[in-house]
């Protein structure tokens, strides 16, 4: 890719929930399925998470007429402040590691949490990264709504 090409995604949000609850939203299948996918359905019986270094995760996002599987491997798990995992969808080559996602959670005053999200890998085009960033923003809107409702 040319140097001017986009190389990933960086999103930072302040979530109005304690860090432990935000970490659980990323690591407990029942919580993860409520927000990952945004408005799409993520059937809990199709979510698998072994949240340990080297453990795998997988899920299926269902939109009308289409199932979109995602999976990866946890590289680092430091509760409740940091997760690093790989992310692949069905279009990724079997021998590719996929994108690497890093989520860093920092306690803020008033029980809020800063969530710093970073996705890297160089496996996507500029347009695909832009679309993926829009997707993550929608997912994080759903995360905010989920955490506010609990």
N, C-alpha and C. Protein backbone atom coordinates (compact mmCIF):
# COMPACT_ATOMS: atom_id res chain seq x y z
N UNK A 1 0.84 -1.19 0.00
CA UNK A 1 0.00 0.00 0.00
C UNK A 1 0.88 1.24 0.00
N UNK A 2 0.48 2.26 -0.72
CA UNK A 2 1.25 3.50 -0.69
C UNK A 2 1.23 4.12 0.69
N UNK A 3 2.25 4.89 1.01
CA UNK A 3 2.32 5.48 2.34
C UNK A 3 1.14 6.39 2.65
N UNK A 4 0.54 6.98 1.65
CA UNK A 4 -0.58 7.87 1.90
C UNK A 4 -1.86 7.09 2.21
N UNK A 5 -1.85 5.76 2.02
CA UNK A 5 -3.04 4.94 2.29
C UNK A 5 -3.30 4.89 3.80
N UNK A 6 -4.55 4.80 4.12
CA UNK A 6 -4.95 4.68 5.52
C UNK A 6 -4.49 3.32 6.05
N UNK A 7 -3.98 3.30 7.27
CA UNK A 7 -3.42 2.06 7.80
C UNK A 7 -4.20 1.48 8.95
N UNK A 8 -5.29 2.09 9.33
CA UNK A 8 -6.04 1.54 10.45
C UNK A 8 -7.11 2.49 10.93
N UNK A 9 -7.56 2.23 12.15
CA UNK A 9 -8.65 2.98 12.77
C UNK A 9 -8.24 3.34 14.19
N UNK A 10 -8.51 4.57 14.57
CA UNK A 10 -8.31 5.03 15.96
C UNK A 10 -9.58 5.75 16.39
N UNK A 11 -10.18 5.27 17.47
CA UNK A 11 -11.38 5.89 18.02
C UNK A 11 -11.21 5.98 19.53
N UNK A 12 -11.46 7.14 20.08
CA UNK A 12 -11.44 7.29 21.54
C UNK A 12 -12.79 7.83 21.97
N UNK A 13 -13.36 7.17 22.96
CA UNK A 13 -14.67 7.57 23.50
C UNK A 13 -14.61 7.55 25.02
N UNK A 14 -15.43 8.38 25.62
CA UNK A 14 -15.65 8.31 27.07
C UNK A 14 -17.01 7.67 27.27
N UNK A 15 -17.01 6.55 27.97
CA UNK A 15 -18.21 5.77 28.23
C UNK A 15 -18.64 6.04 29.66
N UNK A 16 -19.93 6.29 29.87
CA UNK A 16 -20.44 6.62 31.19
C UNK A 16 -20.74 5.33 31.98
N UNK A 17 -19.67 4.58 32.25
CA UNK A 17 -19.76 3.35 33.04
C UNK A 17 -18.39 3.06 33.63
N UNK A 18 -18.36 2.37 34.77
CA UNK A 18 -17.07 2.00 35.37
C UNK A 18 -16.27 1.07 34.46
N UNK A 19 -14.97 1.14 34.58
CA UNK A 19 -14.07 0.37 33.74
C UNK A 19 -14.36 -1.13 33.79
N UNK A 20 -14.65 -1.69 34.97
CA UNK A 20 -14.96 -3.12 35.07
C UNK A 20 -16.14 -3.50 34.20
N UNK A 21 -17.18 -2.67 34.18
CA UNK A 21 -18.36 -2.97 33.36
C UNK A 21 -18.06 -2.86 31.87
N UNK A 22 -17.22 -1.91 31.50
CA UNK A 22 -16.85 -1.78 30.08
C UNK A 22 -16.02 -2.99 29.66
N UNK A 23 -15.11 -3.42 30.52
CA UNK A 23 -14.30 -4.61 30.22
C UNK A 23 -15.20 -5.83 30.06
N UNK A 24 -16.17 -5.99 30.95
CA UNK A 24 -17.12 -7.11 30.85
C UNK A 24 -17.91 -7.05 29.54
N UNK A 25 -18.24 -5.86 29.09
CA UNK A 25 -18.98 -5.72 27.83
C UNK A 25 -18.16 -6.26 26.66
N UNK A 26 -16.84 -6.22 26.77
CA UNK A 26 -15.95 -6.74 25.73
C UNK A 26 -15.65 -8.22 25.89
N UNK A 27 -15.86 -8.78 27.09
CA UNK A 27 -15.32 -10.13 27.37
C UNK A 27 -16.35 -11.16 27.82
N UNK A 28 -17.58 -10.78 28.07
CA UNK A 28 -18.62 -11.72 28.48
C UNK A 28 -19.60 -11.90 27.32
N UNK A 29 -19.75 -13.12 26.82
CA UNK A 29 -20.57 -13.32 25.62
C UNK A 29 -21.95 -12.68 25.68
N UNK A 30 -22.64 -12.82 26.80
CA UNK A 30 -23.99 -12.24 26.93
C UNK A 30 -23.99 -10.72 26.77
N UNK A 31 -22.92 -10.08 27.22
CA UNK A 31 -22.82 -8.62 27.08
C UNK A 31 -22.33 -8.23 25.69
N UNK A 32 -21.31 -8.94 25.19
CA UNK A 32 -20.73 -8.63 23.88
C UNK A 32 -21.78 -8.72 22.78
N UNK A 33 -22.63 -9.75 22.84
CA UNK A 33 -23.64 -9.97 21.81
C UNK A 33 -24.70 -8.87 21.78
N UNK A 34 -24.85 -8.11 22.88
CA UNK A 34 -25.88 -7.07 22.90
C UNK A 34 -25.46 -5.83 22.13
N UNK A 35 -24.16 -5.61 21.95
CA UNK A 35 -23.75 -4.37 21.28
C UNK A 35 -22.91 -4.60 20.02
N UNK A 36 -22.14 -5.68 19.96
CA UNK A 36 -21.33 -5.92 18.77
C UNK A 36 -22.28 -6.19 17.61
N UNK A 37 -22.10 -5.47 16.54
CA UNK A 37 -23.01 -5.59 15.41
C UNK A 37 -23.98 -4.43 15.32
N UNK A 38 -23.96 -3.54 16.32
CA UNK A 38 -24.86 -2.38 16.29
C UNK A 38 -26.31 -2.82 16.33
N UNK A 39 -27.07 -2.44 15.31
CA UNK A 39 -28.49 -2.79 15.24
C UNK A 39 -28.72 -4.20 14.70
N UNK A 40 -27.68 -4.86 14.20
CA UNK A 40 -27.83 -6.22 13.67
C UNK A 40 -27.95 -7.22 14.82
N UNK A 41 -28.44 -8.40 14.50
CA UNK A 41 -28.61 -9.45 15.49
C UNK A 41 -27.33 -10.27 15.61
N UNK A 42 -26.93 -10.56 16.85
CA UNK A 42 -25.81 -11.46 17.12
C UNK A 42 -26.36 -12.55 18.04
N UNK A 43 -26.76 -13.69 17.45
CA UNK A 43 -27.34 -14.76 18.26
C UNK A 43 -26.34 -15.28 19.30
N UNK A 44 -26.76 -15.29 20.57
CA UNK A 44 -25.87 -15.71 21.64
C UNK A 44 -25.36 -17.13 21.44
N UNK A 45 -26.17 -18.00 20.83
CA UNK A 45 -25.71 -19.38 20.61
C UNK A 45 -24.63 -19.47 19.53
N UNK A 46 -24.32 -18.35 18.88
CA UNK A 46 -23.25 -18.33 17.89
C UNK A 46 -22.08 -17.45 18.33
N UNK A 47 -22.01 -17.20 19.64
CA UNK A 47 -20.90 -16.43 20.22
C UNK A 47 -20.06 -17.38 21.07
N UNK A 48 -18.77 -17.40 20.82
CA UNK A 48 -17.84 -18.21 21.59
C UNK A 48 -16.66 -17.33 21.98
N UNK A 49 -16.31 -17.33 23.27
CA UNK A 49 -15.21 -16.48 23.74
C UNK A 49 -14.39 -17.21 24.80
N UNK A 50 -13.12 -17.44 24.51
CA UNK A 50 -12.17 -17.95 25.49
C UNK A 50 -11.19 -16.81 25.74
N UNK A 51 -11.55 -15.95 26.68
CA UNK A 51 -10.82 -14.69 26.89
C UNK A 51 -9.58 -14.94 27.73
N UNK A 52 -8.62 -15.60 27.11
CA UNK A 52 -7.30 -15.85 27.69
C UNK A 52 -6.28 -15.67 26.57
N UNK A 53 -5.03 -15.32 26.89
CA UNK A 53 -4.04 -15.21 25.83
C UNK A 53 -3.94 -16.53 25.05
N UNK A 54 -4.10 -16.44 23.73
CA UNK A 54 -4.11 -17.62 22.88
C UNK A 54 -5.49 -18.22 22.68
N UNK A 55 -6.47 -17.78 23.48
CA UNK A 55 -7.84 -18.25 23.34
C UNK A 55 -8.49 -17.65 22.10
N UNK A 56 -9.53 -18.29 21.62
CA UNK A 56 -10.20 -17.82 20.42
C UNK A 56 -11.56 -17.22 20.74
N UNK A 57 -12.05 -16.45 19.79
CA UNK A 57 -13.40 -15.91 19.88
C UNK A 57 -14.02 -16.02 18.49
N UNK A 58 -15.34 -16.11 18.47
CA UNK A 58 -16.05 -16.09 17.19
C UNK A 58 -17.49 -15.69 17.44
N UNK A 59 -18.11 -15.16 16.39
CA UNK A 59 -19.53 -14.82 16.43
C UNK A 59 -20.04 -14.65 15.02
N UNK A 60 -21.34 -14.55 14.91
CA UNK A 60 -21.98 -14.32 13.62
C UNK A 60 -22.93 -13.15 13.76
N UNK A 61 -22.77 -12.16 12.89
CA UNK A 61 -23.71 -11.05 12.82
C UNK A 61 -24.73 -11.42 11.74
N UNK A 62 -26.01 -11.28 12.08
CA UNK A 62 -27.07 -11.64 11.15
C UNK A 62 -27.85 -10.38 10.77
N UNK A 63 -27.85 -10.11 9.48
CA UNK A 63 -28.71 -9.06 8.92
C UNK A 63 -29.65 -9.78 7.96
N UNK A 64 -30.78 -9.23 7.63
CA UNK A 64 -31.74 -9.96 6.79
C UNK A 64 -31.09 -10.61 5.57
N UNK A 65 -31.16 -11.93 5.55
CA UNK A 65 -30.65 -12.69 4.42
C UNK A 65 -29.16 -12.95 4.39
N UNK A 66 -28.40 -12.43 5.36
CA UNK A 66 -26.95 -12.57 5.32
C UNK A 66 -26.41 -12.88 6.72
N UNK A 67 -25.51 -13.86 6.78
CA UNK A 67 -24.78 -14.14 8.02
C UNK A 67 -23.32 -13.76 7.78
N UNK A 68 -22.77 -12.97 8.71
CA UNK A 68 -21.39 -12.51 8.58
C UNK A 68 -20.58 -13.03 9.77
N UNK A 69 -19.77 -14.07 9.56
CA UNK A 69 -18.96 -14.60 10.66
C UNK A 69 -17.69 -13.78 10.87
N UNK A 70 -17.33 -13.63 12.13
CA UNK A 70 -16.09 -12.97 12.53
C UNK A 70 -15.40 -13.87 13.55
N UNK A 71 -14.07 -13.83 13.58
CA UNK A 71 -13.34 -14.62 14.57
C UNK A 71 -11.93 -14.06 14.75
N UNK A 72 -11.27 -14.57 15.79
CA UNK A 72 -9.91 -14.14 16.05
C UNK A 72 -9.33 -14.84 17.25
N UNK A 73 -8.16 -14.35 17.67
CA UNK A 73 -7.40 -14.91 18.78
C UNK A 73 -7.03 -13.79 19.74
N UNK A 74 -7.18 -14.04 21.03
CA UNK A 74 -6.75 -13.07 22.04
C UNK A 74 -5.24 -13.13 22.18
N UNK A 75 -4.60 -11.98 22.03
CA UNK A 75 -3.14 -11.88 22.16
C UNK A 75 -2.74 -11.43 23.56
N UNK A 76 -3.54 -10.53 24.14
CA UNK A 76 -3.26 -10.00 25.47
C UNK A 76 -4.57 -9.75 26.18
N UNK A 77 -4.64 -10.17 27.45
CA UNK A 77 -5.81 -9.93 28.27
C UNK A 77 -5.31 -9.44 29.62
N UNK A 78 -5.52 -8.17 29.90
CA UNK A 78 -5.10 -7.57 31.17
C UNK A 78 -6.32 -6.89 31.77
N UNK A 79 -7.11 -7.68 32.52
CA UNK A 79 -8.35 -7.16 33.11
C UNK A 79 -8.01 -6.14 34.20
N UNK A 80 -8.73 -5.06 34.27
CA UNK A 80 -9.79 -4.59 33.37
C UNK A 80 -9.32 -3.48 32.43
N UNK A 81 -8.01 -3.43 32.14
CA UNK A 81 -7.55 -2.26 31.41
C UNK A 81 -7.19 -2.45 29.94
N UNK A 82 -6.96 -3.70 29.48
CA UNK A 82 -6.46 -3.81 28.11
C UNK A 82 -6.79 -5.18 27.50
N UNK A 83 -7.20 -5.12 26.23
CA UNK A 83 -7.43 -6.32 25.42
C UNK A 83 -6.73 -6.13 24.08
N UNK A 84 -6.08 -7.17 23.61
CA UNK A 84 -5.51 -7.16 22.26
C UNK A 84 -5.94 -8.48 21.62
N UNK A 85 -6.58 -8.37 20.45
CA UNK A 85 -7.03 -9.58 19.77
C UNK A 85 -7.01 -9.38 18.27
N UNK A 86 -7.00 -10.49 17.55
CA UNK A 86 -7.07 -10.42 16.10
C UNK A 86 -8.53 -10.48 15.67
N UNK A 87 -8.78 -9.97 14.48
CA UNK A 87 -10.14 -9.89 13.93
C UNK A 87 -10.08 -10.27 12.46
N UNK A 88 -10.88 -11.28 12.09
CA UNK A 88 -10.97 -11.70 10.69
C UNK A 88 -12.43 -11.91 10.36
N UNK A 89 -12.77 -11.64 9.10
CA UNK A 89 -14.10 -11.99 8.62
C UNK A 89 -13.93 -13.08 7.55
N UNK A 90 -15.04 -13.50 6.97
CA UNK A 90 -15.01 -14.61 6.01
C UNK A 90 -14.20 -14.29 4.76
N UNK A 91 -14.01 -13.01 4.43
CA UNK A 91 -13.27 -12.65 3.22
C UNK A 91 -11.76 -12.68 3.40
N UNK A 92 -11.28 -12.79 4.64
CA UNK A 92 -9.84 -12.78 4.89
C UNK A 92 -9.21 -14.11 4.46
N UNK A 93 -8.03 -14.06 3.85
CA UNK A 93 -7.35 -15.31 3.48
C UNK A 93 -7.11 -16.18 4.71
N UNK A 94 -7.23 -17.49 4.56
CA UNK A 94 -7.09 -18.42 5.68
C UNK A 94 -5.75 -18.29 6.39
N UNK A 95 -4.68 -17.97 5.64
CA UNK A 95 -3.35 -17.89 6.24
C UNK A 95 -3.03 -16.50 6.83
N UNK A 96 -3.95 -15.56 6.71
CA UNK A 96 -3.72 -14.21 7.25
C UNK A 96 -4.11 -14.17 8.72
N UNK A 97 -3.32 -13.44 9.51
CA UNK A 97 -3.64 -13.28 10.93
C UNK A 97 -4.88 -12.40 11.11
N UNK A 98 -5.08 -11.48 10.19
CA UNK A 98 -6.20 -10.55 10.30
C UNK A 98 -5.74 -9.22 10.87
N UNK A 99 -6.71 -8.42 11.19
CA UNK A 99 -6.43 -7.12 11.80
C UNK A 99 -6.16 -7.33 13.29
N UNK A 100 -5.37 -6.45 13.88
CA UNK A 100 -5.14 -6.49 15.32
C UNK A 100 -5.88 -5.33 15.97
N UNK A 101 -6.71 -5.67 16.95
CA UNK A 101 -7.50 -4.69 17.68
C UNK A 101 -6.93 -4.56 19.09
N UNK A 102 -6.72 -3.31 19.51
CA UNK A 102 -6.27 -3.03 20.88
C UNK A 102 -7.30 -2.11 21.52
N UNK A 103 -7.79 -2.51 22.68
CA UNK A 103 -8.75 -1.72 23.45
C UNK A 103 -8.10 -1.42 24.79
N UNK A 104 -7.93 -0.13 25.08
CA UNK A 104 -7.34 0.29 26.35
C UNK A 104 -8.38 1.10 27.11
N UNK A 105 -8.64 0.68 28.35
CA UNK A 105 -9.65 1.31 29.20
C UNK A 105 -8.98 2.04 30.35
N UNK A 106 -9.31 3.33 30.50
CA UNK A 106 -8.71 4.16 31.53
C UNK A 106 -9.82 4.78 32.37
N UNK A 107 -9.73 4.59 33.69
CA UNK A 107 -10.73 5.17 34.59
C UNK A 107 -10.71 6.68 34.50
N UNK A 108 -11.90 7.26 34.52
CA UNK A 108 -12.07 8.71 34.52
C UNK A 108 -12.84 9.09 35.78
N UNK A 109 -12.89 10.36 36.08
CA UNK A 109 -13.63 10.80 37.25
C UNK A 109 -15.12 10.58 37.03
N UNK A 110 -15.86 10.46 38.13
CA UNK A 110 -17.30 10.33 38.04
C UNK A 110 -17.78 8.97 37.56
N UNK A 111 -16.92 7.95 37.62
CA UNK A 111 -17.32 6.60 37.23
C UNK A 111 -17.32 6.35 35.74
N UNK A 112 -16.75 7.25 34.96
CA UNK A 112 -16.68 7.08 33.50
C UNK A 112 -15.39 6.34 33.13
N UNK A 113 -15.32 5.90 31.88
CA UNK A 113 -14.16 5.18 31.37
C UNK A 113 -13.80 5.71 29.99
N UNK A 114 -12.53 6.04 29.81
CA UNK A 114 -12.06 6.36 28.46
C UNK A 114 -11.71 5.05 27.77
N UNK A 115 -12.27 4.85 26.59
CA UNK A 115 -12.02 3.67 25.79
C UNK A 115 -11.25 4.09 24.55
N UNK A 116 -10.00 3.67 24.47
CA UNK A 116 -9.17 3.95 23.30
C UNK A 116 -9.12 2.68 22.46
N UNK A 117 -9.65 2.78 21.24
CA UNK A 117 -9.75 1.65 20.32
C UNK A 117 -8.78 1.88 19.17
N UNK A 118 -8.05 0.84 18.82
CA UNK A 118 -7.10 0.93 17.71
C UNK A 118 -7.17 -0.37 16.91
N UNK A 119 -7.31 -0.25 15.60
CA UNK A 119 -7.30 -1.41 14.71
C UNK A 119 -6.21 -1.20 13.67
N UNK A 120 -5.33 -2.17 13.55
CA UNK A 120 -4.23 -2.11 12.60
C UNK A 120 -4.09 -3.44 11.88
N UNK A 121 -3.39 -3.42 10.79
CA UNK A 121 -3.10 -4.64 10.06
C UNK A 121 -2.72 -4.39 8.62
N UNK A 122 -3.25 -3.30 8.06
CA UNK A 122 -2.93 -3.00 6.67
C UNK A 122 -3.56 -3.95 5.67
N UNK A 123 -4.57 -4.68 6.12
CA UNK A 123 -5.22 -5.66 5.25
C UNK A 123 -6.39 -5.08 4.46
N UNK A 124 -6.78 -3.86 4.76
CA UNK A 124 -7.95 -3.26 4.13
C UNK A 124 -7.55 -2.06 3.28
N UNK A 125 -8.37 -1.74 2.30
CA UNK A 125 -8.16 -0.53 1.51
C UNK A 125 -8.60 0.68 2.33
N UNK A 126 -8.28 1.85 1.84
CA UNK A 126 -8.71 3.08 2.49
C UNK A 126 -10.23 3.08 2.66
N UNK A 127 -10.94 2.68 1.61
CA UNK A 127 -12.41 2.67 1.66
C UNK A 127 -12.93 1.65 2.66
N UNK A 128 -12.28 0.48 2.72
CA UNK A 128 -12.70 -0.55 3.68
C UNK A 128 -12.46 -0.09 5.11
N UNK A 129 -11.33 0.59 5.37
CA UNK A 129 -11.09 1.12 6.72
C UNK A 129 -12.14 2.17 7.07
N UNK A 130 -12.49 3.02 6.12
CA UNK A 130 -13.51 4.05 6.38
C UNK A 130 -14.85 3.39 6.71
N UNK A 131 -15.22 2.35 5.96
CA UNK A 131 -16.48 1.64 6.22
C UNK A 131 -16.41 0.92 7.57
N UNK A 132 -15.26 0.30 7.87
CA UNK A 132 -15.11 -0.39 9.15
C UNK A 132 -15.18 0.60 10.32
N UNK A 133 -14.60 1.79 10.14
CA UNK A 133 -14.68 2.80 11.20
C UNK A 133 -16.13 3.21 11.44
N UNK A 134 -16.89 3.40 10.37
CA UNK A 134 -18.32 3.72 10.52
C UNK A 134 -19.03 2.60 11.28
N UNK A 135 -18.69 1.36 10.96
CA UNK A 135 -19.27 0.21 11.66
C UNK A 135 -18.94 0.22 13.14
N UNK A 136 -17.68 0.43 13.47
CA UNK A 136 -17.28 0.48 14.88
C UNK A 136 -17.99 1.61 15.62
N UNK A 137 -18.12 2.76 14.97
CA UNK A 137 -18.83 3.88 15.62
C UNK A 137 -20.26 3.48 15.96
N UNK A 138 -20.94 2.76 15.04
CA UNK A 138 -22.29 2.28 15.31
C UNK A 138 -22.29 1.26 16.43
N UNK A 139 -21.29 0.38 16.44
CA UNK A 139 -21.18 -0.61 17.52
C UNK A 139 -21.01 0.11 18.86
N UNK A 140 -20.15 1.14 18.88
CA UNK A 140 -19.89 1.84 20.13
C UNK A 140 -21.09 2.66 20.58
N UNK A 141 -21.91 3.14 19.64
CA UNK A 141 -23.18 3.77 20.02
C UNK A 141 -24.06 2.75 20.76
N UNK A 142 -24.10 1.52 20.23
CA UNK A 142 -24.87 0.45 20.87
C UNK A 142 -24.26 0.09 22.23
N UNK A 143 -22.93 0.09 22.33
CA UNK A 143 -22.27 -0.16 23.61
C UNK A 143 -22.67 0.88 24.64
N UNK A 144 -22.62 2.16 24.24
CA UNK A 144 -23.04 3.25 25.14
C UNK A 144 -24.47 3.02 25.63
N UNK A 145 -25.37 2.69 24.71
CA UNK A 145 -26.77 2.48 25.06
C UNK A 145 -26.93 1.30 26.00
N UNK A 146 -26.18 0.22 25.74
CA UNK A 146 -26.24 -0.97 26.58
C UNK A 146 -25.76 -0.68 27.99
N UNK A 147 -24.64 0.01 28.10
CA UNK A 147 -24.07 0.30 29.42
C UNK A 147 -24.92 1.29 30.20
N UNK A 148 -25.56 2.21 29.50
CA UNK A 148 -26.42 3.19 30.16
C UNK A 148 -27.69 2.52 30.69
N UNK A 149 -28.16 1.50 29.97
CA UNK A 149 -29.41 0.81 30.36
C UNK A 149 -29.21 -0.14 31.53
N UNK A 150 -27.96 -0.59 31.77
CA UNK A 150 -27.71 -1.57 32.85
C UNK A 150 -27.61 -0.91 34.18
